[in-house]
Protein backbone atom coordinates (compact mmCIF):
# COMPACT_ATOMS: atom_id res chain seq x y z
CA MET A 1 95.83 92.32 87.60
CA SER A 2 99.13 90.86 86.77
CA THR A 3 99.67 87.63 84.55
CA ARG A 4 101.40 86.05 87.43
CA SER A 5 98.40 86.51 89.65
CA ILE A 6 95.98 85.14 87.26
CA ALA A 7 98.49 82.16 86.96
CA ARG A 8 98.50 81.88 90.78
CA LEU A 9 94.76 81.56 90.50
CA ILE A 10 94.81 79.09 88.12
CA THR A 11 96.93 76.92 89.93
CA PHE A 12 94.11 77.07 92.63
CA ALA A 13 91.63 76.46 90.21
CA MET A 14 89.13 74.87 92.84
CA VAL A 15 89.28 77.45 95.08
CA ARG A 16 86.00 79.58 94.82
CA MET A 17 86.68 83.08 93.10
CA ALA A 18 85.20 86.57 94.26
CA VAL A 19 85.72 89.76 92.27
CA LEU A 20 85.43 92.79 94.19
CA ILE A 21 84.67 95.91 92.49
CA HIS A 22 85.01 99.27 94.17
CA GLY A 23 83.00 102.28 93.93
CA MET A 24 83.12 106.06 92.97
CA TRP A 25 86.35 107.88 94.00
CA GLY A 26 87.87 104.56 95.29
CA THR A 27 90.31 101.95 94.99
CA SER A 28 91.07 98.17 95.51
CA ALA A 29 92.26 99.41 98.79
CA VAL A 30 88.68 100.07 100.09
CA TRP A 31 88.28 96.05 100.51
CA ARG A 32 91.03 95.91 103.02
CA ASN A 33 88.43 94.38 105.55
CA TRP A 34 86.45 92.27 103.23
CA ARG A 35 89.22 90.66 101.46
CA PRO A 36 90.77 88.93 104.54
CA LEU A 37 87.41 87.83 105.67
CA LEU A 38 86.74 86.37 102.52
CA GLU A 39 90.07 84.52 101.89
CA GLU A 40 89.95 83.12 105.57
CA ARG A 41 86.58 81.36 104.30
CA GLY A 42 88.10 80.06 101.18
CA TRP A 43 87.48 82.58 98.43
CA ALA A 44 90.51 83.68 96.28
CA THR A 45 89.59 87.41 95.62
CA ILE A 46 90.63 89.74 93.10
CA ALA A 47 90.17 93.44 93.75
CA ASP A 48 91.22 95.67 90.36
CA THR A 49 91.31 99.14 90.69
CA LEU A 50 89.30 100.62 87.72
CA ARG A 51 90.68 102.34 84.75
CA TYR A 52 92.56 105.65 85.63
CA HIS A 53 91.96 105.09 89.33
CA ASP A 54 95.51 104.52 89.85
CA ALA A 55 96.54 108.11 89.20
CA SER A 56 97.51 110.61 91.99
CA ALA A 57 94.46 112.54 93.44
CA ASP A 58 96.30 115.68 92.76
CA SER A 59 96.97 114.83 89.06
CA PRO A 60 93.89 112.87 87.66
CA PRO A 61 94.27 112.26 83.53
CA ALA A 62 91.90 114.01 81.68
CA ALA A 63 90.66 111.00 79.80
CA LEU A 64 89.17 109.80 83.13
CA GLY A 65 86.49 112.48 82.65
CA GLU A 66 84.96 110.81 79.57
CA THR A 67 85.56 107.39 80.72
CA SER A 68 82.24 105.30 80.53
CA LEU A 69 80.78 102.64 82.53
CA HIS A 70 81.22 100.67 79.45
CA ASP A 71 84.86 100.88 79.76
CA TYR A 72 84.79 99.68 83.07
CA VAL A 73 82.80 96.69 82.22
CA ALA A 74 85.02 95.95 79.59
CA ASP A 75 88.10 96.11 81.54
CA LEU A 76 86.73 93.47 84.25
CA GLU A 77 85.32 91.20 81.56
CA THR A 78 88.85 90.84 80.35
CA THR A 79 89.89 89.89 83.74
CA ILE A 80 87.11 87.51 84.46
CA LEU A 81 87.45 85.94 80.90
CA ALA A 82 90.83 84.94 81.85
CA LEU A 83 90.13 83.30 85.03
CA PRO A 84 89.60 79.29 85.30
CA GLU A 85 86.16 79.55 86.26
CA LYS A 86 83.22 82.01 86.61
CA PRO A 87 83.51 84.08 89.94
CA VAL A 88 81.18 85.58 91.84
CA VAL A 89 80.95 89.51 91.73
CA ILE A 90 80.74 91.67 94.74
CA GLY A 91 80.36 95.35 94.16
CA HIS A 92 79.90 98.42 96.37
CA SER A 93 78.09 101.55 95.26
CA MET A 94 78.79 102.24 91.41
CA GLY A 95 80.85 98.76 91.71
CA GLY A 96 77.50 97.12 92.40
CA LEU A 97 75.93 98.52 89.44
CA ILE A 98 78.96 97.37 87.35
CA ALA A 99 78.43 94.02 89.03
CA LEU A 100 74.95 93.80 87.93
CA LEU A 101 76.02 94.79 84.55
CA LEU A 102 78.46 92.03 84.62
CA CYS A 103 75.70 89.73 85.56
CA ALA A 104 73.59 90.45 82.86
CA ARG A 105 76.46 89.99 80.38
CA GLY A 106 76.51 85.92 82.08
CA LEU A 107 80.00 86.51 83.39
CA ALA A 108 79.43 85.71 87.21
CA ARG A 109 77.96 82.92 88.98
CA ALA A 110 76.09 84.99 91.59
CA GLY A 111 76.40 88.82 92.74
CA VAL A 112 76.19 90.73 95.88
CA LEU A 113 75.30 94.26 95.60
CA LEU A 114 76.26 96.47 98.45
CA THR A 115 74.29 99.86 98.53
CA PRO A 116 74.42 99.65 94.58
CA ALA A 117 73.89 102.75 92.20
CA PRO A 118 70.71 101.73 90.32
CA PRO A 119 70.45 100.85 86.49
CA SER A 120 68.61 103.60 84.29
CA SER A 121 65.29 101.84 85.02
CA VAL A 122 65.35 103.22 88.53
CA ILE A 123 65.29 106.86 89.28
CA ALA A 124 67.53 107.67 91.96
CA LEU A 125 67.28 111.29 92.75
CA ARG A 126 66.49 112.04 96.11
CA PRO A 127 67.32 115.36 98.01
CA SER A 128 70.25 113.74 99.96
CA ASN A 129 71.97 112.76 96.96
CA LEU A 130 71.43 115.65 95.08
CA MET A 131 73.10 117.92 97.42
CA ALA A 132 76.04 115.24 97.66
CA PHE A 133 76.87 116.10 94.02
CA ALA A 134 75.39 119.63 93.77
CA ARG A 135 78.84 121.10 94.06
CA ILE A 136 80.35 118.97 91.22
CA GLN A 137 77.55 119.57 88.92
CA ALA A 138 77.56 123.18 89.36
CA ARG A 139 80.91 123.29 87.47
CA TRP A 140 80.35 123.52 83.49
CA ALA A 141 80.95 120.48 81.57
CA TRP A 142 81.07 118.27 84.64
CA TRP A 143 79.91 115.18 82.76
CA ARG A 144 83.61 115.42 80.91
CA LYS A 145 85.63 116.35 83.71
CA PRO A 146 87.10 114.06 86.64
CA HIS A 147 85.65 115.28 90.15
CA ARG A 148 86.34 114.23 93.63
CA ALA A 149 84.24 114.62 96.79
CA THR A 150 85.41 117.16 99.42
CA LEU A 151 86.02 116.04 103.13
CA ARG A 152 83.09 117.70 104.00
CA GLU A 153 81.00 116.00 101.61
CA ALA A 154 82.44 112.56 102.33
CA LEU A 155 81.66 112.84 106.02
CA THR A 156 78.32 114.13 105.32
CA TYR A 157 77.23 111.59 102.78
CA THR A 158 79.37 108.63 102.52
CA PHE A 159 80.89 108.52 106.08
CA ASN A 160 77.92 109.81 107.70
CA THR A 161 77.67 106.66 110.18
CA SER A 162 81.34 106.17 110.45
CA ASP A 163 83.61 108.19 113.03
CA PRO A 164 84.82 111.15 111.81
CA VAL A 165 88.58 110.24 112.29
CA ASP A 166 88.09 107.12 110.24
CA GLY A 167 85.94 108.99 107.47
CA THR A 168 89.05 111.43 107.58
CA THR A 169 91.28 108.69 106.71
CA GLU A 170 89.15 107.13 104.26
CA HIS A 171 88.80 110.24 102.44
CA ALA A 172 92.58 110.71 102.26
CA GLY A 173 92.34 107.76 99.76
CA PHE A 174 89.72 108.99 97.74
CA VAL A 175 90.83 109.54 94.02
CA HIS A 176 88.94 111.33 91.14
CA GLU A 177 86.08 109.87 89.24
CA SER A 178 84.62 110.12 85.79
CA GLY A 179 82.12 112.72 85.08
CA ARG A 180 80.92 110.41 82.18
CA ALA A 181 80.09 107.67 84.69
CA LEU A 182 78.51 110.21 86.94
CA LEU A 183 76.15 111.38 84.01
CA GLU A 184 75.32 107.74 83.10
CA ILE A 185 74.13 106.89 86.59
CA GLY A 186 72.56 110.06 87.98
CA MET A 187 71.00 111.22 84.51
CA PRO A 188 70.56 108.24 82.57
CA TRP A 189 68.00 109.88 80.11
CA LEU A 190 71.04 111.97 78.87
CA ASP A 191 73.25 109.25 77.91
CA ASP A 192 72.62 107.89 74.44
CA ARG A 193 75.06 105.04 74.67
CA LYS A 194 72.67 103.58 77.72
CA ALA A 195 75.45 102.46 79.73
CA ALA A 196 73.27 101.97 82.75
CA THR A 197 70.57 99.98 81.45
CA VAL A 198 70.10 96.32 82.44
CA ASP A 199 67.59 94.12 80.98
CA PRO A 200 66.09 92.17 83.97
CA ARG A 201 65.20 89.40 81.46
CA ARG A 202 69.14 88.93 81.13
CA VAL A 203 70.02 88.53 84.45
CA THR A 204 69.44 84.57 85.38
CA VAL A 205 71.90 84.31 88.45
CA PRO A 206 71.12 84.95 91.98
CA LEU A 207 71.59 88.53 93.41
CA LEU A 208 71.68 89.91 96.88
CA PHE A 209 70.79 93.54 97.24
CA VAL A 210 71.97 95.11 100.51
CA GLY A 211 70.45 98.33 101.26
CA ALA A 212 71.47 100.49 104.47
CA GLU A 213 68.84 102.33 106.43
CA LYS A 214 70.88 105.72 106.86
CA ASP A 215 72.59 105.54 103.52
CA ARG A 216 72.37 109.30 101.75
CA LEU A 217 73.84 108.46 98.60
CA VAL A 218 71.83 105.64 97.61
CA PRO A 219 68.94 105.57 99.96
CA PRO A 220 67.25 102.19 100.87
CA GLY A 221 63.96 102.96 99.36
CA VAL A 222 66.30 103.20 95.80
CA VAL A 223 67.86 99.90 96.42
CA ARG A 224 64.41 98.13 97.33
CA ARG A 225 63.10 99.52 93.84
CA THR A 226 65.91 97.95 92.08
CA ALA A 227 65.69 94.65 93.98
CA ARG A 228 61.81 94.44 92.99
CA GLN A 229 62.82 94.64 89.25
CA PHE A 230 64.92 91.75 89.90
CA ALA A 231 62.56 89.70 91.72
CA HIS A 232 62.72 86.71 90.12
CA VAL A 233 66.53 86.14 91.24
CA ALA A 234 67.02 88.65 93.88
CA ASP A 235 67.12 88.61 97.70
CA TYR A 236 67.32 91.94 99.85
CA VAL A 237 68.32 92.72 102.87
CA GLU A 238 68.63 95.96 104.83
CA TYR A 239 70.70 97.12 108.00
CA GLU A 240 69.41 99.20 110.58
CA GLY A 241 71.50 102.00 111.68
CA GLN A 242 74.03 101.32 108.74
CA GLY A 243 75.17 104.29 106.15
CA HIS A 244 76.62 103.83 102.70
CA TRP A 245 80.20 102.63 104.15
CA VAL A 246 79.28 99.11 104.67
CA LEU A 247 82.78 97.99 103.64
CA GLY A 248 84.21 99.56 106.73
CA GLN A 249 82.20 101.64 109.46
CA PRO A 250 80.98 99.96 112.55
CA GLY A 251 78.81 96.95 111.81
CA TRP A 252 80.62 95.90 108.65
CA GLU A 253 81.47 92.47 109.79
CA ARG A 254 77.87 91.39 109.98
CA VAL A 255 77.36 92.58 106.50
CA ALA A 256 80.25 90.79 105.32
CA ASP A 257 79.36 87.47 107.24
CA GLU A 258 76.03 87.61 105.93
CA ALA A 259 76.79 88.25 102.38
CA GLU A 260 79.33 85.39 102.52
CA THR A 261 76.91 83.10 104.04
CA TRP A 262 74.43 83.88 101.47
CA LEU A 263 77.03 83.45 98.65
CA LYS A 264 78.00 79.81 99.89
CA GLY A 265 74.30 78.94 99.93
CA LYS A 266 73.79 80.30 96.23
CA ALA A 267 77.14 79.81 94.50
CA ALA A 268 78.68 76.54 96.17
């Protein structure tokens, strides 16, 4: 985020602030639906693109492959600490886990976790998400290389409840993701840096966990199990007929509307 943008937010310090965090293979563009809705309701939104995710999909930097969740969290911590007040955080998929990590650091007033990747204490392996990453993980040294879902994989696992034309358009905006981050999320027992570890006792702000009935990447049972670990601060809602892409598939408006209503009640 530019210095000018931060200065503009400071000018409107009384406006409620929301930091939006995209997921794997994404950029800030994935919030194209949610940002106008939130801003119309009085939220100033910040949607940074994660480290190295602004590179061309055709030429990902080698350093991306070894970029950690720790790096993503550190970058967002710098952004948040430059703000005039503590924001709420809204994260999707991997971004949901990053939002949870930020809440554990005391950097947010509340968190909305949309179909979030789980912390290390919740084993997320299911047949559908194993198949989603099987091709990627069949490559030697995938854990230190950038990776990107194919169109077929995206339509099958990420956009399975979206119109295929819309899913194809969304996939065209996919960039590469970190192999290191995938290992930290999918096989946390192999991560000596414990990047996906969250102590529930360190989270003291309200959390809304959003599950989706037909999610093939983070099935709702995984989200429910995560929410139970944070039951002292968490609410859970699950949407019938929805898949992983709660940011833009048919029905996203209801998810966004109810998440914003929850935020108003918890972080006003």
